[in-house]
Protein backbone atom coordinates (compact mmCIF):
# COMPACT_ATOMS: atom_id res chain seq x y z
CA MET A 1 18.62 2.82 13.98
CA GLU A 2 15.57 1.28 12.28
CA ARG A 3 12.91 3.57 10.59
CA THR A 4 9.37 3.35 11.45
CA TRP A 5 6.28 4.61 10.22
CA SER A 6 4.26 7.06 13.19
CA GLU A 7 1.50 5.40 15.00
CA GLU A 8 -0.77 8.18 13.11
CA LEU A 9 0.22 7.32 9.97
CA ILE A 10 -0.61 3.65 10.91
CA ASN A 11 -3.84 4.53 12.51
CA THR A 12 -4.51 6.64 9.30
CA THR A 13 -3.53 3.45 7.41
CA ARG A 14 -6.19 1.47 8.96
CA LYS A 15 -8.68 3.76 8.82
CA ILE A 16 -8.79 4.72 5.38
CA ALA A 17 -6.72 1.85 2.92
CA GLY A 18 -9.12 0.64 0.09
CA THR A 19 -8.57 -0.11 -3.61
CA GLY A 20 -7.23 2.84 -5.30
CA CYS A 21 -4.96 4.40 -2.38
CA MET A 22 -1.56 5.10 -2.94
CA LEU A 23 0.98 3.51 -0.26
CA GLN A 24 4.64 3.98 0.29
CA SER A 25 6.80 1.62 1.81
CA ILE A 26 9.10 1.59 4.71
CA ASP A 27 11.98 1.18 2.03
CA GLY A 28 10.78 4.26 -0.01
CA LYS A 29 8.96 1.73 -3.04
CA SER A 30 5.22 2.93 -4.29
CA GLY A 31 2.70 1.45 -5.46
CA ILE A 32 -1.61 1.07 -5.33
CA TYR A 33 -4.00 -0.66 -3.18
CA VAL A 34 -5.84 -3.40 -5.02
CA SER A 35 -8.47 -5.29 -2.92
CA ALA A 36 -7.82 -9.14 -4.46
CA GLY A 37 -10.83 -10.43 -2.32
CA ASN A 38 -11.24 -12.56 0.86
CA GLY A 39 -9.68 -9.60 2.66
CA SER A 40 -6.25 -9.97 0.76
CA ILE A 41 -4.38 -7.43 -0.60
CA GLU A 42 -2.24 -6.90 -3.98
CA ILE A 43 0.16 -3.58 -4.24
CA HIS A 44 0.54 -3.05 -7.62
CA GLY A 45 3.21 -0.84 -9.24
CA ILE A 46 2.42 2.41 -10.14
CA ASP A 47 1.78 3.97 -14.08
CA GLY A 48 2.30 7.82 -13.47
CA SER A 49 2.41 8.63 -17.53
CA GLY A 50 -0.87 10.47 -17.44
CA TRP A 51 -2.50 13.29 -14.97
CA MET A 52 -3.11 10.43 -12.54
CA PRO A 53 -1.34 7.94 -11.29
CA LEU A 54 -3.07 4.21 -12.50
CA PRO A 55 -2.38 0.60 -10.96
CA THR A 56 -0.21 -1.43 -13.49
CA GLU A 57 -0.88 -5.19 -14.02
CA GLU A 58 2.84 -5.48 -12.23
CA VAL A 59 1.88 -6.99 -8.52
CA ILE A 60 4.74 -5.78 -6.24
CA ALA A 61 3.49 -7.54 -3.28
CA THR A 62 0.46 -9.69 -1.97
CA PHE A 63 -0.67 -9.61 1.99
CA SER A 64 -3.19 -12.23 3.62
CA ASN A 65 -4.74 -8.83 5.36
CA LEU A 66 -4.30 -5.53 6.27
CA GLU A 67 -2.31 -6.03 9.58
CA ALA A 68 -0.25 -8.05 7.40
CA MET A 69 0.64 -4.98 4.89
CA ILE A 70 1.29 -2.45 7.43
CA GLU A 71 3.62 -4.89 9.49
CA ALA A 72 5.50 -5.43 6.42
CA GLY A 73 6.10 -1.88 6.32
CA TRP A 74 3.14 -0.22 3.75
CA VAL A 75 1.13 2.76 4.79
CA VAL A 76 -1.03 4.80 3.02
CA ASP A 77 0.79 7.92 1.28
């Protein structure tokens, strides 16, 4: 059985995703949403060594737009 996100979570992602949002992938990876300009999105690794998670320079994934990110299995966490 293929794992999927709920429609409610997908719709929430469409409404609130933006730079700084924590993201979770369908396969268990975590990252931080970073706008790369022109509607494109980079998901960066997380530096969790401080009291607040911050994006690292490591780019985990890139997408041309929000729908491509969601289709690839990434949603707000």
